[in-house]
Amino acid sequence: MLFDGPSATGDDQSFSQTPGANAASEAGQVQRAKAGDQAVWDEWFDAFYPKLYRYAFIRLGRKAEAEDIASQVFLEAVRQIDRFQYTGRPVLAWLYRIEHNLVYDRLKQADRAPEPEEAATAEQVAGPDALIASIDLLNALNELSDEQRDVIILRFYLSMSAQEVGALIGKSPAAVFSLQARAIVQLRERLR
């Protein structure tokens, strides 16, 4: 699989089954995390790192950078936890926002587009045609708006529902479907 990485075997729990999937449980976890409970951080890391890693890998195109960013998300979260106000949105939405900013800063700092061809190896793809198709798709993704690209990555690469994506990016499921539809049209045009 082109986007294989640490714990990206599909054994991570789905968004709705992650620790703290209900608001009362997550609110309690946030309080425990603020109190320094390492078990909560371990649960969050185990549940969310694979999704954060895959998102970073798709955006940055490099395994080492994706691992670095996904790990930095948790470092930033530890630094920010005292200022974090739980409002009922999933903790993953907060972590995703941190990651989105880190990825944006990394791309801006490097002033370059992701270079997915560096990340792919012969073992990760079915052959040269699959590699070219994957590179073309990643290049086309990079031409979408940030919101459209994030919706496509979260919906299709991370297999999240429109409701889950909406919770992460602060949009209604209808708005997610609208962004998705426009993105797919643009991807089709760019991949012709």
N, C-alpha and C. Protein backbone atom coordinates (compact mmCIF):
# COMPACT_ATOMS: atom_id res chain seq x y z
N MET A 1 0.84 -1.18 0.00
CA MET A 1 0.00 0.00 0.00
C MET A 1 0.89 1.24 0.00
N LEU A 2 0.56 2.19 -0.85
CA LEU A 2 1.39 3.38 -0.99
C LEU A 2 1.50 4.17 0.29
N PHE A 3 0.46 4.23 1.09
CA PHE A 3 0.47 5.07 2.28
C PHE A 3 0.70 4.28 3.56
N ASP A 4 1.34 3.14 3.43
CA ASP A 4 1.65 2.35 4.61
C ASP A 4 2.63 3.09 5.50
N GLY A 5 2.45 2.99 6.76
CA GLY A 5 3.34 3.62 7.72
C GLY A 5 3.15 2.99 9.07
N PRO A 6 3.68 3.58 10.11
CA PRO A 6 3.55 3.03 11.44
C PRO A 6 2.09 2.80 11.80
N SER A 7 1.76 1.61 12.16
CA SER A 7 0.42 1.22 12.59
C SER A 7 -0.65 1.56 11.57
N ALA A 8 -0.29 1.64 10.31
CA ALA A 8 -1.27 1.97 9.28
C ALA A 8 -1.81 0.69 8.65
N THR A 9 -1.93 -0.35 9.43
CA THR A 9 -2.40 -1.64 8.92
C THR A 9 -3.90 -1.76 8.93
N GLY A 10 -4.57 -0.71 9.39
CA GLY A 10 -6.02 -0.75 9.46
C GLY A 10 -6.53 -1.27 10.78
N ASP A 11 -5.62 -1.56 11.73
CA ASP A 11 -6.07 -2.09 13.00
C ASP A 11 -6.44 -0.99 13.98
N ASP A 12 -6.27 0.27 13.59
CA ASP A 12 -6.68 1.34 14.49
C ASP A 12 -8.20 1.40 14.50
N GLN A 13 -8.73 1.89 15.60
CA GLN A 13 -10.17 1.94 15.75
C GLN A 13 -10.74 3.05 14.89
N SER A 14 -12.01 2.90 14.51
CA SER A 14 -12.64 3.95 13.73
C SER A 14 -12.86 5.17 14.62
N PHE A 15 -13.12 6.27 13.98
CA PHE A 15 -13.29 7.54 14.69
C PHE A 15 -14.34 7.43 15.77
N SER A 16 -15.49 6.84 15.45
CA SER A 16 -16.59 6.80 16.42
C SER A 16 -16.36 5.80 17.53
N GLN A 17 -15.36 4.91 17.40
CA GLN A 17 -15.10 3.92 18.44
C GLN A 17 -13.84 4.24 19.22
N THR A 18 -13.27 5.40 19.00
CA THR A 18 -12.05 5.76 19.70
C THR A 18 -12.34 6.04 21.15
N PRO A 19 -11.31 5.97 22.01
CA PRO A 19 -11.54 6.30 23.42
C PRO A 19 -12.17 7.68 23.53
N GLY A 20 -13.17 7.78 24.35
CA GLY A 20 -13.81 9.07 24.58
C GLY A 20 -14.75 9.47 23.48
N ALA A 21 -15.35 8.48 22.77
CA ALA A 21 -16.22 8.81 21.65
C ALA A 21 -17.44 9.60 22.09
N ASN A 22 -17.86 9.51 23.36
CA ASN A 22 -18.97 10.34 23.80
C ASN A 22 -18.43 11.52 24.59
N ALA A 23 -19.22 12.59 24.59
CA ALA A 23 -18.75 13.85 25.17
C ALA A 23 -18.42 13.75 26.65
N ALA A 24 -19.21 13.03 27.43
CA ALA A 24 -18.94 12.93 28.86
C ALA A 24 -17.61 12.22 29.11
N SER A 25 -17.38 11.17 28.37
CA SER A 25 -16.13 10.43 28.51
C SER A 25 -14.94 11.28 28.10
N GLU A 26 -15.06 11.97 26.96
CA GLU A 26 -13.97 12.82 26.50
C GLU A 26 -13.72 13.98 27.45
N ALA A 27 -14.77 14.56 27.99
CA ALA A 27 -14.60 15.66 28.95
C ALA A 27 -13.81 15.16 30.16
N GLY A 28 -14.12 13.96 30.61
CA GLY A 28 -13.37 13.37 31.72
C GLY A 28 -11.92 13.11 31.35
N GLN A 29 -11.72 12.62 30.13
CA GLN A 29 -10.34 12.38 29.67
C GLN A 29 -9.54 13.67 29.61
N VAL A 30 -10.17 14.74 29.15
CA VAL A 30 -9.48 16.03 29.06
C VAL A 30 -9.06 16.48 30.46
N GLN A 31 -9.96 16.34 31.42
CA GLN A 31 -9.63 16.73 32.80
C GLN A 31 -8.47 15.89 33.34
N ARG A 32 -8.52 14.58 33.04
CA ARG A 32 -7.43 13.70 33.48
C ARG A 32 -6.11 14.07 32.79
N ALA A 33 -6.19 14.42 31.51
CA ALA A 33 -4.98 14.82 30.79
C ALA A 33 -4.40 16.11 31.37
N LYS A 34 -5.28 17.04 31.72
CA LYS A 34 -4.83 18.29 32.34
C LYS A 34 -4.17 18.04 33.69
N ALA A 35 -4.62 16.97 34.37
CA ALA A 35 -4.05 16.61 35.67
C ALA A 35 -2.76 15.80 35.52
N GLY A 36 -2.39 15.51 34.28
CA GLY A 36 -1.13 14.80 34.04
C GLY A 36 -1.25 13.29 33.98
N ASP A 37 -2.44 12.77 33.76
CA ASP A 37 -2.65 11.32 33.69
C ASP A 37 -2.05 10.77 32.39
N GLN A 38 -0.93 10.08 32.50
CA GLN A 38 -0.23 9.54 31.33
C GLN A 38 -1.07 8.51 30.58
N ALA A 39 -1.94 7.79 31.29
CA ALA A 39 -2.77 6.76 30.64
C ALA A 39 -3.66 7.36 29.56
N VAL A 40 -4.18 8.56 29.80
CA VAL A 40 -5.02 9.23 28.80
C VAL A 40 -4.19 9.55 27.56
N TRP A 41 -3.01 10.09 27.76
CA TRP A 41 -2.15 10.42 26.63
C TRP A 41 -1.78 9.16 25.85
N ASP A 42 -1.55 8.05 26.56
CA ASP A 42 -1.24 6.78 25.89
C ASP A 42 -2.44 6.32 25.05
N GLU A 43 -3.65 6.44 25.62
CA GLU A 43 -4.86 6.05 24.88
C GLU A 43 -5.01 6.91 23.62
N TRP A 44 -4.85 8.21 23.79
CA TRP A 44 -4.99 9.11 22.64
C TRP A 44 -3.93 8.81 21.59
N PHE A 45 -2.72 8.58 22.01
CA PHE A 45 -1.65 8.28 21.06
C PHE A 45 -1.98 7.01 20.29
N ASP A 46 -2.35 5.95 21.00
CA ASP A 46 -2.66 4.68 20.34
C ASP A 46 -3.84 4.81 19.37
N ALA A 47 -4.84 5.58 19.77
CA ALA A 47 -6.05 5.71 18.96
C ALA A 47 -5.87 6.66 17.78
N PHE A 48 -5.13 7.75 17.96
CA PHE A 48 -5.12 8.81 16.96
C PHE A 48 -3.84 8.90 16.12
N TYR A 49 -2.74 8.39 16.60
CA TYR A 49 -1.48 8.51 15.85
C TYR A 49 -1.58 7.95 14.43
N PRO A 50 -2.17 6.77 14.23
CA PRO A 50 -2.21 6.24 12.85
C PRO A 50 -2.93 7.18 11.88
N LYS A 51 -4.03 7.77 12.29
CA LYS A 51 -4.76 8.69 11.41
C LYS A 51 -3.95 9.97 11.19
N LEU A 52 -3.33 10.48 12.24
CA LEU A 52 -2.52 11.69 12.12
C LEU A 52 -1.32 11.44 11.22
N TYR A 53 -0.71 10.28 11.36
CA TYR A 53 0.44 9.92 10.52
C TYR A 53 0.02 9.87 9.05
N ARG A 54 -1.07 9.18 8.76
CA ARG A 54 -1.49 9.03 7.36
C ARG A 54 -1.84 10.38 6.74
N TYR A 55 -2.50 11.22 7.50
CA TYR A 55 -2.82 12.55 6.98
C TYR A 55 -1.53 13.30 6.64
N ALA A 56 -0.57 13.29 7.56
CA ALA A 56 0.70 14.00 7.32
C ALA A 56 1.45 13.39 6.15
N PHE A 57 1.43 12.07 6.03
CA PHE A 57 2.13 11.43 4.93
C PHE A 57 1.55 11.83 3.59
N ILE A 58 0.22 11.86 3.52
CA ILE A 58 -0.42 12.24 2.26
C ILE A 58 -0.09 13.69 1.92
N ARG A 59 -0.10 14.56 2.91
CA ARG A 59 0.18 15.98 2.66
C ARG A 59 1.64 16.26 2.37
N LEU A 60 2.56 15.57 3.07
CA LEU A 60 3.98 15.88 2.94
C LEU A 60 4.71 14.96 1.98
N GLY A 61 4.21 13.74 1.81
CA GLY A 61 4.81 12.82 0.87
C GLY A 61 6.10 12.16 1.32
N ARG A 62 6.45 12.32 2.56
CA ARG A 62 7.69 11.74 3.08
C ARG A 62 7.43 11.08 4.42
N LYS A 63 7.87 9.83 4.54
CA LYS A 63 7.61 9.04 5.74
C LYS A 63 8.21 9.69 6.99
N ALA A 64 9.47 10.08 6.92
CA ALA A 64 10.14 10.65 8.10
C ALA A 64 9.47 11.95 8.55
N GLU A 65 9.10 12.79 7.60
CA GLU A 65 8.42 14.04 7.96
C GLU A 65 7.04 13.76 8.55
N ALA A 66 6.34 12.78 8.00
CA ALA A 66 5.02 12.44 8.52
C ALA A 66 5.11 11.92 9.95
N GLU A 67 6.10 11.08 10.20
CA GLU A 67 6.30 10.57 11.57
C GLU A 67 6.62 11.72 12.52
N ASP A 68 7.46 12.63 12.06
CA ASP A 68 7.85 13.78 12.87
C ASP A 68 6.63 14.65 13.20
N ILE A 69 5.84 14.96 12.20
CA ILE A 69 4.67 15.82 12.40
C ILE A 69 3.66 15.13 13.32
N ALA A 70 3.36 13.86 13.08
CA ALA A 70 2.38 13.15 13.91
C ALA A 70 2.83 13.11 15.37
N SER A 71 4.12 12.97 15.59
CA SER A 71 4.64 12.99 16.97
C SER A 71 4.59 14.40 17.55
N GLN A 72 4.91 15.41 16.73
CA GLN A 72 4.87 16.79 17.20
C GLN A 72 3.48 17.21 17.63
N VAL A 73 2.45 16.63 17.00
CA VAL A 73 1.08 16.96 17.38
C VAL A 73 0.88 16.70 18.87
N PHE A 74 1.39 15.56 19.35
CA PHE A 74 1.20 15.23 20.76
C PHE A 74 2.06 16.10 21.67
N LEU A 75 3.23 16.48 21.21
CA LEU A 75 4.05 17.40 22.01
C LEU A 75 3.35 18.75 22.15
N GLU A 76 2.81 19.23 21.05
CA GLU A 76 2.07 20.50 21.10
C GLU A 76 0.83 20.38 21.97
N ALA A 77 0.15 19.25 21.87
CA ALA A 77 -1.05 19.04 22.68
C ALA A 77 -0.71 19.06 24.16
N VAL A 78 0.39 18.43 24.54
CA VAL A 78 0.81 18.45 25.95
C VAL A 78 1.08 19.89 26.38
N ARG A 79 1.73 20.65 25.51
CA ARG A 79 2.03 22.06 25.85
C ARG A 79 0.76 22.90 25.97
N GLN A 80 -0.25 22.58 25.15
CA GLN A 80 -1.45 23.41 25.09
C GLN A 80 -2.60 22.92 25.95
N ILE A 81 -2.47 21.76 26.57
CA ILE A 81 -3.61 21.15 27.26
C ILE A 81 -4.21 22.06 28.34
N ASP A 82 -3.41 22.83 29.02
CA ASP A 82 -3.96 23.70 30.07
C ASP A 82 -4.84 24.80 29.49
N ARG A 83 -4.60 25.20 28.25
CA ARG A 83 -5.40 26.24 27.59
C ARG A 83 -6.58 25.65 26.82
N PHE A 84 -6.57 24.35 26.62
CA PHE A 84 -7.61 23.69 25.82
C PHE A 84 -8.93 23.68 26.58
N GLN A 85 -9.96 24.19 25.95
CA GLN A 85 -11.30 24.20 26.53
C GLN A 85 -12.15 23.19 25.77
N TYR A 86 -12.51 22.12 26.42
CA TYR A 86 -13.34 21.10 25.77
C TYR A 86 -14.75 21.63 25.59
N THR A 87 -15.23 21.61 24.34
CA THR A 87 -16.55 22.15 24.03
C THR A 87 -17.51 21.10 23.50
N GLY A 88 -17.10 19.84 23.54
CA GLY A 88 -17.96 18.78 23.02
C GLY A 88 -17.51 18.26 21.66
N ARG A 89 -16.68 19.04 20.97
CA ARG A 89 -16.12 18.53 19.71
C ARG A 89 -15.10 17.45 20.04
N PRO A 90 -14.92 16.47 19.19
CA PRO A 90 -13.98 15.38 19.48
C PRO A 90 -12.56 15.89 19.73
N VAL A 91 -11.86 15.23 20.62
CA VAL A 91 -10.46 15.56 20.89
C VAL A 91 -9.65 15.45 19.60
N LEU A 92 -10.01 14.49 18.75
CA LEU A 92 -9.32 14.34 17.47
C LEU A 92 -9.41 15.61 16.63
N ALA A 93 -10.51 16.35 16.75
CA ALA A 93 -10.65 17.61 16.00
C ALA A 93 -9.59 18.61 16.47
N TRP A 94 -9.35 18.67 17.76
CA TRP A 94 -8.31 19.55 18.31
C TRP A 94 -6.93 19.11 17.82
N LEU A 95 -6.66 17.81 17.89
CA LEU A 95 -5.36 17.29 17.43
C LEU A 95 -5.19 17.52 15.92
N TYR A 96 -6.26 17.32 15.18
CA TYR A 96 -6.21 17.55 13.73
C TYR A 96 -5.89 19.02 13.43
N ARG A 97 -6.47 19.94 14.17
CA ARG A 97 -6.20 21.37 13.94
C ARG A 97 -4.73 21.68 14.22
N ILE A 98 -4.19 21.10 15.29
CA ILE A 98 -2.77 21.27 15.59
C ILE A 98 -1.94 20.74 14.42
N GLU A 99 -2.30 19.53 13.95
CA GLU A 99 -1.54 18.93 12.85
C GLU A 99 -1.65 19.74 11.58
N HIS A 100 -2.86 20.19 11.28
CA HIS A 100 -3.06 21.00 10.08
C HIS A 100 -2.11 22.20 10.09
N ASN A 101 -2.01 22.87 11.22
CA ASN A 101 -1.12 24.03 11.34
C ASN A 101 0.35 23.64 11.21
N LEU A 102 0.74 22.51 11.80
CA LEU A 102 2.13 22.05 11.69
C LEU A 102 2.48 21.70 10.25
N VAL A 103 1.58 21.02 9.56
CA VAL A 103 1.81 20.66 8.16
C VAL A 103 1.91 21.92 7.31
N TYR A 104 0.98 22.85 7.54
CA TYR A 104 1.01 24.11 6.79
C TYR A 104 2.34 24.84 7.01
N ASP A 105 2.76 24.92 8.27
CA ASP A 105 4.03 25.58 8.57
C ASP A 105 5.20 24.87 7.90
N ARG A 106 5.19 23.54 7.90
CA ARG A 106 6.27 22.78 7.28
C ARG A 106 6.32 23.03 5.78
N LEU A 107 5.17 23.03 5.14
CA LEU A 107 5.13 23.28 3.69
C LEU A 107 5.53 24.72 3.37
N LYS A 108 5.07 25.63 4.19
CA LYS A 108 5.41 27.04 3.98
C LYS A 108 6.90 27.27 4.19
N GLN A 109 7.44 26.65 5.25
CA GLN A 109 8.87 26.79 5.55
C GLN A 109 9.72 26.23 4.42
N ALA A 110 9.33 25.09 3.91
CA ALA A 110 10.09 24.47 2.83
C ALA A 110 9.79 25.13 1.49
N ASP A 111 8.63 25.85 1.43
CA ASP A 111 8.22 26.53 0.21
C ASP A 111 8.27 25.57 -0.98
N ARG A 112 7.67 24.42 -0.75
CA ARG A 112 7.65 23.41 -1.81
C ARG A 112 6.37 22.60 -1.73
N ALA A 113 6.03 21.98 -2.81
CA ALA A 113 4.92 21.05 -2.83
C ALA A 113 5.43 19.69 -2.36
N PRO A 114 4.55 18.86 -1.84
CA PRO A 114 4.99 17.52 -1.44
C PRO A 114 5.61 16.78 -2.62
N GLU A 115 6.56 15.94 -2.32
CA GLU A 115 7.24 15.16 -3.35
C GLU A 115 6.97 13.68 -3.11
N PRO A 116 5.78 13.20 -3.49
CA PRO A 116 5.40 11.84 -3.16
C PRO A 116 6.28 10.77 -3.81
N GLU A 117 6.91 11.09 -4.93
CA GLU A 117 7.74 10.08 -5.57
C GLU A 117 8.90 9.64 -4.68
N GLU A 118 9.33 10.47 -3.74
CA GLU A 118 10.40 10.08 -2.83
C GLU A 118 9.92 9.05 -1.82
N ALA A 119 8.64 9.03 -1.55
CA ALA A 119 8.12 8.16 -0.50
C ALA A 119 7.77 6.76 -1.01
N ALA A 120 7.52 6.63 -2.30
CA ALA A 120 7.09 5.35 -2.83
C ALA A 120 8.29 4.46 -3.16
N THR A 121 8.13 3.18 -2.87
CA THR A 121 9.16 2.21 -3.23
C THR A 121 8.52 1.11 -4.05
N ALA A 122 9.33 0.30 -4.67
CA ALA A 122 8.82 -0.78 -5.52
C ALA A 122 7.91 -1.72 -4.74
N GLU A 123 8.21 -1.97 -3.45
CA GLU A 123 7.39 -2.87 -2.65
C GLU A 123 6.04 -2.26 -2.31
N GLN A 124 5.93 -0.95 -2.34
CA GLN A 124 4.71 -0.29 -1.91
C GLN A 124 3.68 -0.13 -3.01
N VAL A 125 4.05 -0.35 -4.24
CA VAL A 125 3.12 -0.18 -5.36
C VAL A 125 3.12 -1.41 -6.23
N ALA A 126 2.06 -1.57 -7.02
CA ALA A 126 1.92 -2.76 -7.84
C ALA A 126 2.85 -2.74 -9.04
N GLY A 127 3.32 -1.61 -9.45
CA GLY A 127 4.19 -1.51 -10.61
C GLY A 127 4.31 -0.07 -11.04
N PRO A 128 5.02 0.17 -12.14
CA PRO A 128 5.26 1.55 -12.59
C PRO A 128 3.97 2.32 -12.88
N ASP A 129 2.97 1.65 -13.47
CA ASP A 129 1.71 2.34 -13.76
C ASP A 129 1.01 2.80 -12.49
N ALA A 130 1.03 1.95 -11.45
CA ALA A 130 0.42 2.32 -10.17
C ALA A 130 1.17 3.47 -9.53
N LEU A 131 2.49 3.47 -9.64
CA LEU A 131 3.29 4.57 -9.09
C LEU A 131 2.96 5.87 -9.78
N ILE A 132 2.88 5.85 -11.09
CA ILE A 132 2.56 7.07 -11.85
C ILE A 132 1.16 7.55 -11.50
N ALA A 133 0.20 6.64 -11.41
CA ALA A 133 -1.17 7.02 -11.05
C ALA A 133 -1.21 7.63 -9.65
N SER A 134 -0.48 7.06 -8.70
CA SER A 134 -0.45 7.58 -7.34
C SER A 134 0.17 8.97 -7.30
N ILE A 135 1.26 9.16 -8.02
CA ILE A 135 1.93 10.46 -8.06
C ILE A 135 1.02 11.49 -8.71
N ASP A 136 0.37 11.11 -9.81
CA ASP A 136 -0.55 12.03 -10.48
C ASP A 136 -1.69 12.43 -9.55
N LEU A 137 -2.23 11.47 -8.81
CA LEU A 137 -3.32 11.77 -7.88
C LEU A 137 -2.85 12.70 -6.77
N LEU A 138 -1.68 12.44 -6.21
CA LEU A 138 -1.17 13.31 -5.14
C LEU A 138 -0.89 14.71 -5.66
N ASN A 139 -0.36 14.81 -6.86
CA ASN A 139 -0.12 16.13 -7.45
C ASN A 139 -1.44 16.86 -7.68
N ALA A 140 -2.47 16.13 -8.15
CA ALA A 140 -3.78 16.74 -8.35
C ALA A 140 -4.39 17.17 -7.01
N LEU A 141 -4.21 16.38 -5.97
CA LEU A 141 -4.69 16.75 -4.64
C LEU A 141 -4.08 18.07 -4.18
N ASN A 142 -2.81 18.25 -4.48
CA ASN A 142 -2.12 19.47 -4.06
C ASN A 142 -2.63 20.71 -4.76
N GLU A 143 -3.38 20.55 -5.84
CA GLU A 143 -3.93 21.70 -6.56
C GLU A 143 -5.31 22.10 -6.04
N LEU A 144 -5.89 21.29 -5.15
CA LEU A 144 -7.18 21.63 -4.56
C LEU A 144 -7.01 22.66 -3.46
N SER A 145 -8.13 23.27 -3.06
CA SER A 145 -8.07 24.17 -1.90
C SER A 145 -7.76 23.33 -0.66
N ASP A 146 -7.30 23.97 0.40
CA ASP A 146 -6.99 23.24 1.64
C ASP A 146 -8.20 22.47 2.15
N GLU A 147 -9.37 23.10 2.16
CA GLU A 147 -10.57 22.42 2.67
C GLU A 147 -10.93 21.22 1.81
N GLN A 148 -10.89 21.39 0.49
CA GLN A 148 -11.23 20.28 -0.41
C GLN A 148 -10.24 19.13 -0.24
N ARG A 149 -8.96 19.45 -0.18
CA ARG A 149 -7.93 18.42 -0.03
C ARG A 149 -8.12 17.67 1.29
N ASP A 150 -8.38 18.40 2.37
CA ASP A 150 -8.57 17.75 3.66
C ASP A 150 -9.79 16.84 3.65
N VAL A 151 -10.87 17.28 3.02
CA VAL A 151 -12.07 16.44 2.94
C VAL A 151 -11.76 15.15 2.17
N ILE A 152 -11.08 15.25 1.05
CA ILE A 152 -10.75 14.05 0.26
C ILE A 152 -9.84 13.12 1.06
N ILE A 153 -8.84 13.67 1.71
CA ILE A 153 -7.92 12.83 2.49
C ILE A 153 -8.66 12.15 3.64
N LEU A 154 -9.44 12.92 4.38
CA LEU A 154 -10.14 12.36 5.53
C LEU A 154 -11.22 11.36 5.12
N ARG A 155 -11.95 11.66 4.04
CA ARG A 155 -13.04 10.77 3.61
C ARG A 155 -12.51 9.50 2.96
N PHE A 156 -11.53 9.61 2.06
CA PHE A 156 -11.16 8.46 1.25
C PHE A 156 -9.88 7.77 1.69
N TYR A 157 -8.93 8.50 2.19
CA TYR A 157 -7.69 7.86 2.64
C TYR A 157 -7.80 7.38 4.09
N LEU A 158 -8.57 8.11 4.90
CA LEU A 158 -8.72 7.73 6.30
C LEU A 158 -10.09 7.11 6.59
N SER A 159 -10.91 6.97 5.56
CA SER A 159 -12.21 6.28 5.64
C SER A 159 -13.14 6.83 6.71
N MET A 160 -13.19 8.14 6.85
CA MET A 160 -14.09 8.76 7.82
C MET A 160 -15.41 9.10 7.14
N SER A 161 -16.49 9.07 7.91
CA SER A 161 -17.80 9.45 7.38
C SER A 161 -17.87 10.97 7.25
N ALA A 162 -18.88 11.45 6.51
CA ALA A 162 -19.06 12.89 6.36
C ALA A 162 -19.32 13.55 7.71
N GLN A 163 -20.03 12.86 8.58
CA GLN A 163 -20.30 13.39 9.92
C GLN A 163 -19.00 13.52 10.71
N GLU A 164 -18.14 12.51 10.64
CA GLU A 164 -16.86 12.54 11.35
C GLU A 164 -15.97 13.66 10.82
N VAL A 165 -15.91 13.79 9.49
CA VAL A 165 -15.09 14.84 8.88
C VAL A 165 -15.64 16.20 9.28
N GLY A 166 -16.96 16.34 9.26
CA GLY A 166 -17.58 17.61 9.66
C GLY A 166 -17.22 17.99 11.08
N ALA A 167 -17.20 17.00 11.97
CA ALA A 167 -16.82 17.27 13.37
C ALA A 167 -15.38 17.74 13.46
N LEU A 168 -14.52 17.20 12.60
CA LEU A 168 -13.11 17.59 12.64
C LEU A 168 -12.86 18.98 12.09
N ILE A 169 -13.53 19.30 10.99
CA ILE A 169 -13.23 20.58 10.33
C ILE A 169 -14.25 21.67 10.65
N GLY A 170 -15.23 21.35 11.49
CA GLY A 170 -16.20 22.36 11.89
C GLY A 170 -17.22 22.70 10.81
N LYS A 171 -17.65 21.70 10.05
CA LYS A 171 -18.64 21.91 8.99
C LYS A 171 -19.75 20.88 9.15
N SER A 172 -20.88 21.17 8.57
CA SER A 172 -21.99 20.21 8.58
C SER A 172 -21.69 19.09 7.60
N PRO A 173 -22.32 17.93 7.77
CA PRO A 173 -22.14 16.85 6.79
C PRO A 173 -22.50 17.29 5.37
N ALA A 174 -23.53 18.13 5.23
CA ALA A 174 -23.91 18.63 3.91
C ALA A 174 -22.78 19.46 3.29
N ALA A 175 -22.14 20.29 4.11
CA ALA A 175 -21.02 21.09 3.61
C ALA A 175 -19.85 20.19 3.21
N VAL A 176 -19.64 19.11 3.98
CA VAL A 176 -18.58 18.16 3.64
C VAL A 176 -18.87 17.52 2.29
N PHE A 177 -20.13 17.09 2.07
CA PHE A 177 -20.50 16.49 0.79
C PHE A 177 -20.32 17.48 -0.35
N SER A 178 -20.65 18.74 -0.11
CA SER A 178 -20.47 19.76 -1.14
C SER A 178 -18.99 19.96 -1.48
N LEU A 179 -18.15 20.06 -0.46
CA LEU A 179 -16.70 20.19 -0.70
C LEU A 179 -16.18 18.96 -1.43
N GLN A 180 -16.65 17.79 -1.02
CA GLN A 180 -16.22 16.54 -1.63
C GLN A 180 -16.62 16.51 -3.11
N ALA A 181 -17.84 16.87 -3.42
CA ALA A 181 -18.32 16.85 -4.81
C ALA A 181 -17.50 17.79 -5.69
N ARG A 182 -17.27 19.01 -5.21
CA ARG A 182 -16.48 19.96 -5.99
C ARG A 182 -15.04 19.47 -6.16
N ALA A 183 -14.49 18.87 -5.12
CA ALA A 183 -13.11 18.36 -5.20
C ALA A 183 -13.01 17.22 -6.20
N ILE A 184 -13.99 16.34 -6.20
CA ILE A 184 -13.95 15.21 -7.14
C ILE A 184 -14.04 15.70 -8.58
N VAL A 185 -14.88 16.69 -8.84
CA VAL A 185 -14.97 17.26 -10.18
C VAL A 185 -13.61 17.83 -10.60
N GLN A 186 -12.98 18.58 -9.70
CA GLN A 186 -11.67 19.17 -10.03
C GLN A 186 -10.60 18.09 -10.22
N LEU A 187 -10.64 17.06 -9.38
CA LEU A 187 -9.67 15.97 -9.55
C LEU A 187 -9.84 15.28 -10.90
N ARG A 188 -11.09 15.02 -11.29
CA ARG A 188 -11.34 14.39 -12.59
C ARG A 188 -10.78 15.25 -13.73
N GLU A 189 -11.00 16.55 -13.65
CA GLU A 189 -10.49 17.44 -14.69
C GLU A 189 -8.96 17.41 -14.75
N ARG A 190 -8.32 17.42 -13.59
CA ARG A 190 -6.87 17.45 -13.55
C ARG A 190 -6.24 16.12 -13.94
N LEU A 191 -6.95 15.03 -13.76
CA LEU A 191 -6.39 13.71 -14.05
C LEU A 191 -6.69 13.22 -15.46
N ARG A 192 -7.41 14.02 -16.26
CA ARG A 192 -7.70 13.63 -17.64
C ARG A 192 -6.46 13.70 -18.48
